[in-house]
Amino acid sequence: MNLEVTRYEFKTESDAQEAWQELDRIGRQRNKQNTISFREGKVVYLRPEFISQRLMYELGRLAQAF
């Protein structure tokens, strides 16, 4: 598994918080309301057991938006 695709460091903690909330909202819809990502400071990670092409795409999309 390529960990670089499953994490992204945002410019600010505020951006990371906002992106994490959106990513988690998207992921919860498809994963029985389980938390699918976590955040440490400015870095957002996908939880390994929930990694999918769609969620990696969403993380990339959010990274571009910020």
PDB file of N, CA and C in Angstrom:
ATOM      1  N   MET A   1       0.838  -1.166   0.000  1.00  0.00           N
ATOM      2  CA  MET A   1       0.000   0.000   0.000  1.00  0.00           C
ATOM      3  C   MET A   1       0.893   1.243   0.000  1.00  0.00           C
ATOM      4  N   ASN A   2       0.540   2.205  -0.814  1.00  0.00           N
ATOM      5  CA  ASN A   2       1.303   3.440  -0.903  1.00  0.00           C
ATOM      6  C   ASN A   2       0.749   4.451   0.098  1.00  0.00           C
ATOM      7  N   LEU A   3       1.462   4.680   1.193  1.00  0.00           N
ATOM      8  CA  LEU A   3       0.971   5.572   2.235  1.00  0.00           C
ATOM      9  C   LEU A   3       0.911   7.022   1.794  1.00  0.00           C
ATOM     10  N   GLU A   4       1.666   7.389   0.779  1.00  0.00           N
ATOM     11  CA  GLU A   4       1.625   8.766   0.296  1.00  0.00           C
ATOM     12  C   GLU A   4       0.262   9.124  -0.275  1.00  0.00           C
ATOM     13  N   VAL A   5      -0.462   8.159  -0.807  1.00  0.00           N
ATOM     14  CA  VAL A   5      -1.775   8.433  -1.390  1.00  0.00           C
ATOM     15  C   VAL A   5      -2.856   8.460  -0.319  1.00  0.00           C
ATOM     16  N   THR A   6      -2.540   7.977   0.856  1.00  0.00           N
ATOM     17  CA  THR A   6      -3.547   7.879   1.895  1.00  0.00           C
ATOM     18  C   THR A   6      -3.386   8.948   2.965  1.00  0.00           C
ATOM     19  N   ARG A   7      -2.550   9.942   2.703  1.00  0.00           N
ATOM     20  CA  ARG A   7      -2.360  11.038   3.649  1.00  0.00           C
ATOM     21  C   ARG A   7      -2.094  12.316   2.871  1.00  0.00           C
ATOM     22  N   TYR A   8      -2.418  13.431   3.491  1.00  0.00           N
ATOM     23  CA  TYR A   8      -2.108  14.714   2.869  1.00  0.00           C
ATOM     24  C   TYR A   8      -1.879  15.735   3.973  1.00  0.00           C
ATOM     25  N   GLU A   9      -0.818  16.532   3.816  1.00  0.00           N
ATOM     26  CA  GLU A   9      -0.539  17.602   4.767  1.00  0.00           C
ATOM     27  C   GLU A   9      -1.050  18.919   4.197  1.00  0.00           C
ATOM     28  N   PHE A  10      -1.963  19.533   4.921  1.00  0.00           N
ATOM     29  CA  PHE A  10      -2.555  20.795   4.501  1.00  0.00           C
ATOM     30  C   PHE A  10      -1.707  21.959   5.016  1.00  0.00           C
ATOM     31  N   LYS A  11      -1.948  23.141   4.481  1.00  0.00           N
ATOM     32  CA  LYS A  11      -1.148  24.306   4.856  1.00  0.00           C
ATOM     33  C   LYS A  11      -1.416  24.755   6.285  1.00  0.00           C
ATOM     34  N   THR A  12      -2.653  24.606   6.738  1.00  0.00           N
ATOM     35  CA  THR A  12      -3.000  25.023   8.095  1.00  0.00           C
ATOM     36  C   THR A  12      -3.810  23.926   8.795  1.00  0.00           C
ATOM     37  N   GLU A  13      -3.839  23.986  10.114  1.00  0.00           N
ATOM     38  CA  GLU A  13      -4.656  23.038  10.868  1.00  0.00           C
ATOM     39  C   GLU A  13      -6.133  23.276  10.597  1.00  0.00           C
ATOM     40  N   SER A  14      -6.491  24.504  10.365  1.00  0.00           N
ATOM     41  CA  SER A  14      -7.879  24.840  10.056  1.00  0.00           C
ATOM     42  C   SER A  14      -8.322  24.176   8.752  1.00  0.00           C
ATOM     43  N   ASP A  15      -7.466  24.252   7.727  1.00  0.00           N
ATOM     44  CA  ASP A  15      -7.768  23.583   6.448  1.00  0.00           C
ATOM     45  C   ASP A  15      -7.885  22.080   6.651  1.00  0.00           C
ATOM     46  N   ALA A  16      -6.966  21.521   7.432  1.00  0.00           N
ATOM     47  CA  ALA A  16      -6.979  20.079   7.682  1.00  0.00           C
ATOM     48  C   ALA A  16      -8.254  19.678   8.416  1.00  0.00           C
ATOM     49  N   GLN A  17      -8.655  20.473   9.388  1.00  0.00           N
ATOM     50  CA  GLN A  17      -9.876  20.189  10.149  1.00  0.00           C
ATOM     51  C   GLN A  17     -11.095  20.173   9.219  1.00  0.00           C
ATOM     52  N   GLU A  18     -11.192  21.182   8.382  1.00  0.00           N
ATOM     53  CA  GLU A  18     -12.326  21.288   7.459  1.00  0.00           C
ATOM     54  C   GLU A  18     -12.334  20.132   6.454  1.00  0.00           C
ATOM     55  N   ALA A  19     -11.185  19.830   5.886  1.00  0.00           N
ATOM     56  CA  ALA A  19     -11.081  18.735   4.916  1.00  0.00           C
ATOM     57  C   ALA A  19     -11.384  17.393   5.582  1.00  0.00           C
ATOM     58  N   TRP A  20     -10.854  17.186   6.791  1.00  0.00           N
ATOM     59  CA  TRP A  20     -11.103  15.943   7.516  1.00  0.00           C
ATOM     60  C   TRP A  20     -12.596  15.752   7.771  1.00  0.00           C
ATOM     61  N   GLN A  21     -13.282  16.809   8.190  1.00  0.00           N
ATOM     62  CA  GLN A  21     -14.717  16.709   8.454  1.00  0.00           C
ATOM     63  C   GLN A  21     -15.481  16.330   7.196  1.00  0.00           C
ATOM     64  N   GLU A  22     -15.132  16.936   6.078  1.00  0.00           N
ATOM     65  CA  GLU A  22     -15.810  16.630   4.813  1.00  0.00           C
ATOM     66  C   GLU A  22     -15.509  15.202   4.363  1.00  0.00           C
ATOM     67  N   LEU A  23     -14.256  14.802   4.426  1.00  0.00           N
ATOM     68  CA  LEU A  23     -13.873  13.448   4.014  1.00  0.00           C
ATOM     69  C   LEU A  23     -14.570  12.411   4.892  1.00  0.00           C
ATOM     70  N   ASP A  24     -14.604  12.658   6.173  1.00  0.00           N
ATOM     71  CA  ASP A  24     -15.236  11.713   7.089  1.00  0.00           C
ATOM     72  C   ASP A  24     -16.744  11.640   6.825  1.00  0.00           C
ATOM     73  N   ARG A  25     -17.366  12.777   6.535  1.00  0.00           N
ATOM     74  CA  ARG A  25     -18.792  12.796   6.210  1.00  0.00           C
ATOM     75  C   ARG A  25     -19.077  11.932   4.979  1.00  0.00           C
ATOM     76  N   ILE A  26     -18.252  12.079   3.950  1.00  0.00           N
ATOM     77  CA  ILE A  26     -18.412  11.295   2.722  1.00  0.00           C
ATOM     78  C   ILE A  26     -18.219   9.814   3.018  1.00  0.00           C
ATOM     79  N   GLY A  27     -17.184   9.481   3.743  1.00  0.00           N
ATOM     80  CA  GLY A  27     -16.873   8.086   4.040  1.00  0.00           C
ATOM     81  C   GLY A  27     -17.898   7.410   4.929  1.00  0.00           C
ATOM     82  N   ARG A  28     -18.434   8.135   5.894  1.00  0.00           N
ATOM     83  CA  ARG A  28     -19.419   7.558   6.807  1.00  0.00           C
ATOM     84  C   ARG A  28     -20.672   7.092   6.063  1.00  0.00           C
ATOM     85  N   GLN A  29     -21.020   7.773   4.999  1.00  0.00           N
ATOM     86  CA  GLN A  29     -22.214   7.411   4.234  1.00  0.00           C
ATOM     87  C   GLN A  29     -22.124   5.996   3.681  1.00  0.00           C
ATOM     88  N   ARG A  30     -20.950   5.563   3.358  1.00  0.00           N
ATOM     89  CA  ARG A  30     -20.765   4.256   2.730  1.00  0.00           C
ATOM     90  C   ARG A  30     -20.203   3.195   3.670  1.00  0.00           C
ATOM     91  N   ASN A  31     -19.864   3.576   4.883  1.00  0.00           N
ATOM     92  CA  ASN A  31     -19.173   2.648   5.785  1.00  0.00           C
ATOM     93  C   ASN A  31     -19.859   2.527   7.140  1.00  0.00           C
ATOM     94  N   LYS A  32     -21.164   2.414   7.117  1.00  0.00           N
ATOM     95  CA  LYS A  32     -21.964   2.164   8.327  1.00  0.00           C
ATOM     96  C   LYS A  32     -21.649   3.149   9.441  1.00  0.00           C
ATOM     97  N   GLN A  33     -21.447   4.412   9.074  1.00  0.00           N
ATOM     98  CA  GLN A  33     -21.189   5.506  10.016  1.00  0.00           C
ATOM     99  C   GLN A  33     -19.867   5.386  10.770  1.00  0.00           C
ATOM    100  N   ASN A  34     -18.947   4.545  10.305  1.00  0.00           N
ATOM    101  CA  ASN A  34     -17.624   4.437  10.924  1.00  0.00           C
ATOM    102  C   ASN A  34     -16.750   5.620  10.518  1.00  0.00           C
ATOM    103  N   THR A  35     -15.911   6.086  11.441  1.00  0.00           N
ATOM    104  CA  THR A  35     -14.931   7.121  11.130  1.00  0.00           C
ATOM    105  C   THR A  35     -13.895   6.512  10.190  1.00  0.00           C
ATOM    106  N   ILE A  36     -13.715   7.106   9.021  1.00  0.00           N
ATOM    107  CA  ILE A  36     -12.842   6.511   7.999  1.00  0.00           C
ATOM    108  C   ILE A  36     -11.497   7.218   7.877  1.00  0.00           C
ATOM    109  N   SER A  37     -11.333   8.327   8.616  1.00  0.00           N
ATOM    110  CA  SER A  37     -10.083   9.073   8.522  1.00  0.00           C
ATOM    111  C   SER A  37      -9.767   9.678   9.888  1.00  0.00           C
ATOM    112  N   PHE A  38      -8.534  10.133  10.026  1.00  0.00           N
ATOM    113  CA  PHE A  38      -8.161  10.831  11.247  1.00  0.00           C
ATOM    114  C   PHE A  38      -7.207  11.953  10.901  1.00  0.00           C
ATOM    115  N   ARG A  39      -7.041  12.858  11.836  1.00  0.00           N
ATOM    116  CA  ARG A  39      -6.222  14.039  11.604  1.00  0.00           C
ATOM    117  C   ARG A  39      -5.248  14.200  12.755  1.00  0.00           C
ATOM    118  N   GLU A  40      -4.013  14.528  12.413  1.00  0.00           N
ATOM    119  CA  GLU A  40      -2.977  14.890  13.384  1.00  0.00           C
ATOM    120  C   GLU A  40      -2.409  16.223  12.932  1.00  0.00           C
ATOM    121  N   GLY A  41      -2.797  17.282  13.617  1.00  0.00           N
ATOM    122  CA  GLY A  41      -2.325  18.604  13.227  1.00  0.00           C
ATOM    123  C   GLY A  41      -2.793  18.957  11.837  1.00  0.00           C
ATOM    124  N   LYS A  42      -1.831  19.153  10.935  1.00  0.00           N
ATOM    125  CA  LYS A  42      -2.151  19.540   9.562  1.00  0.00           C
ATOM    126  C   LYS A  42      -2.273  18.353   8.612  1.00  0.00           C
ATOM    127  N   VAL A  43      -2.122  17.124   9.118  1.00  0.00           N
ATOM    128  CA  VAL A  43      -2.128  15.937   8.259  1.00  0.00           C
ATOM    129  C   VAL A  43      -3.424  15.152   8.445  1.00  0.00           C
ATOM    130  N   VAL A  44      -4.043  14.799   7.308  1.00  0.00           N
ATOM    131  CA  VAL A  44      -5.249  13.972   7.307  1.00  0.00           C
ATOM    132  C   VAL A  44      -4.876  12.623   6.714  1.00  0.00           C
ATOM    133  N   TYR A  45      -5.278  11.553   7.381  1.00  0.00           N
ATOM    134  CA  TYR A  45      -4.973  10.181   6.951  1.00  0.00           C
ATOM    135  C   TYR A  45      -6.269   9.414   6.723  1.00  0.00           C
ATOM    136  N   LEU A  46      -6.255   8.530   5.745  1.00  0.00           N
ATOM    137  CA  LEU A  46      -7.338   7.560   5.603  1.00  0.00           C
ATOM    138  C   LEU A  46      -6.993   6.365   6.476  1.00  0.00           C
ATOM    139  N   ARG A  47      -7.955   5.846   7.213  1.00  0.00           N
ATOM    140  CA  ARG A  47      -7.707   4.640   8.005  1.00  0.00           C
ATOM    141  C   ARG A  47      -7.501   3.480   7.033  1.00  0.00           C
ATOM    142  N   PRO A  48      -6.460   2.671   7.242  1.00  0.00           N
ATOM    143  CA  PRO A  48      -6.111   1.606   6.292  1.00  0.00           C
ATOM    144  C   PRO A  48      -7.261   0.663   5.941  1.00  0.00           C
ATOM    145  N   GLU A  49      -8.101   0.337   6.913  1.00  0.00           N
ATOM    146  CA  GLU A  49      -9.186  -0.600   6.637  1.00  0.00           C
ATOM    147  C   GLU A  49     -10.300   0.001   5.775  1.00  0.00           C
ATOM    148  N   PHE A  50     -10.270   1.319   5.549  1.00  0.00           N
ATOM    149  CA  PHE A  50     -11.300   1.965   4.743  1.00  0.00           C
ATOM    150  C   PHE A  50     -10.768   2.565   3.445  1.00  0.00           C
ATOM    151  N   ILE A  51      -9.524   2.301   3.114  1.00  0.00           N
ATOM    152  CA  ILE A  51      -8.941   2.862   1.895  1.00  0.00           C
ATOM    153  C   ILE A  51      -9.654   2.292   0.671  1.00  0.00           C
ATOM    154  N   SER A  52     -10.028   3.196  -0.219  1.00  0.00           N
ATOM    155  CA  SER A  52     -10.646   2.795  -1.483  1.00  0.00           C
ATOM    156  C   SER A  52     -10.268   3.830  -2.535  1.00  0.00           C
ATOM    157  N   GLN A  53     -10.454   3.482  -3.775  1.00  0.00           N
ATOM    158  CA  GLN A  53     -10.161   4.424  -4.864  1.00  0.00           C
ATOM    159  C   GLN A  53     -10.981   5.695  -4.687  1.00  0.00           C
ATOM    160  N   ARG A  54     -12.252   5.536  -4.333  1.00  0.00           N
ATOM    161  CA  ARG A  54     -13.131   6.704  -4.193  1.00  0.00           C
ATOM    162  C   ARG A  54     -12.639   7.633  -3.086  1.00  0.00           C
ATOM    163  N   LEU A  55     -12.280   7.063  -1.937  1.00  0.00           N
ATOM    164  CA  LEU A  55     -11.830   7.920  -0.842  1.00  0.00           C
ATOM    165  C   LEU A  55     -10.476   8.554  -1.119  1.00  0.00           C
ATOM    166  N   MET A  56      -9.600   7.850  -1.823  1.00  0.00           N
ATOM    167  CA  MET A  56      -8.320   8.458  -2.208  1.00  0.00           C
ATOM    168  C   MET A  56      -8.581   9.615  -3.174  1.00  0.00           C
ATOM    169  N   TYR A  57      -9.544   9.434  -4.075  1.00  0.00           N
ATOM    170  CA  TYR A  57      -9.926  10.503  -4.995  1.00  0.00           C
ATOM    171  C   TYR A  57     -10.460  11.706  -4.216  1.00  0.00           C
ATOM    172  N   GLU A  58     -11.348  11.456  -3.245  1.00  0.00           N
ATOM    173  CA  GLU A  58     -11.927  12.539  -2.449  1.00  0.00           C
ATOM    174  C   GLU A  58     -10.852  13.283  -1.652  1.00  0.00           C
ATOM    175  N   LEU A  59      -9.907  12.550  -1.073  1.00  0.00           N
ATOM    176  CA  LEU A  59      -8.812  13.187  -0.349  1.00  0.00           C
ATOM    177  C   LEU A  59      -8.007  14.077  -1.298  1.00  0.00           C
ATOM    178  N   GLY A  60      -7.716  13.583  -2.493  1.00  0.00           N
ATOM    179  CA  GLY A  60      -6.999  14.384  -3.489  1.00  0.00           C
ATOM    180  C   GLY A  60      -7.784  15.606  -3.912  1.00  0.00           C
ATOM    181  N   ARG A  61      -9.087  15.442  -4.071  1.00  0.00           N
ATOM    182  CA  ARG A  61      -9.949  16.550  -4.460  1.00  0.00           C
ATOM    183  C   ARG A  61      -9.953  17.629  -3.369  1.00  0.00           C
ATOM    184  N   LEU A  62     -10.047  17.203  -2.127  1.00  0.00           N
ATOM    185  CA  LEU A  62     -10.027  18.164  -1.023  1.00  0.00           C
ATOM    186  C   LEU A  62      -8.667  18.850  -0.920  1.00  0.00           C
ATOM    187  N   ALA A  63      -7.601  18.106  -1.144  1.00  0.00           N
ATOM    188  CA  ALA A  63      -6.255  18.698  -1.108  1.00  0.00           C
ATOM    189  C   ALA A  63      -6.139  19.794  -2.161  1.00  0.00           C
ATOM    190  N   GLN A  64      -6.692  19.565  -3.333  1.00  0.00           N
ATOM    191  CA  GLN A  64      -6.649  20.566  -4.409  1.00  0.00           C
ATOM    192  C   GLN A  64      -7.493  21.787  -4.058  1.00  0.00           C
ATOM    193  N   ALA A  65      -8.617  21.563  -3.376  1.00  0.00           N
ATOM    194  CA  ALA A  65      -9.528  22.649  -3.044  1.00  0.00           C
ATOM    195  C   ALA A  65      -8.924  23.625  -2.035  1.00  0.00           C
ATOM    196  N   PHE A  66      -8.015  23.132  -1.204  1.00  0.00           N
ATOM    197  CA  PHE A  66      -7.406  23.979  -0.191  1.00  0.00           C
ATOM    198  C   PHE A  66      -6.060  24.432  -0.691  1.00  0.00           C
TER     199      PHE A  66
END
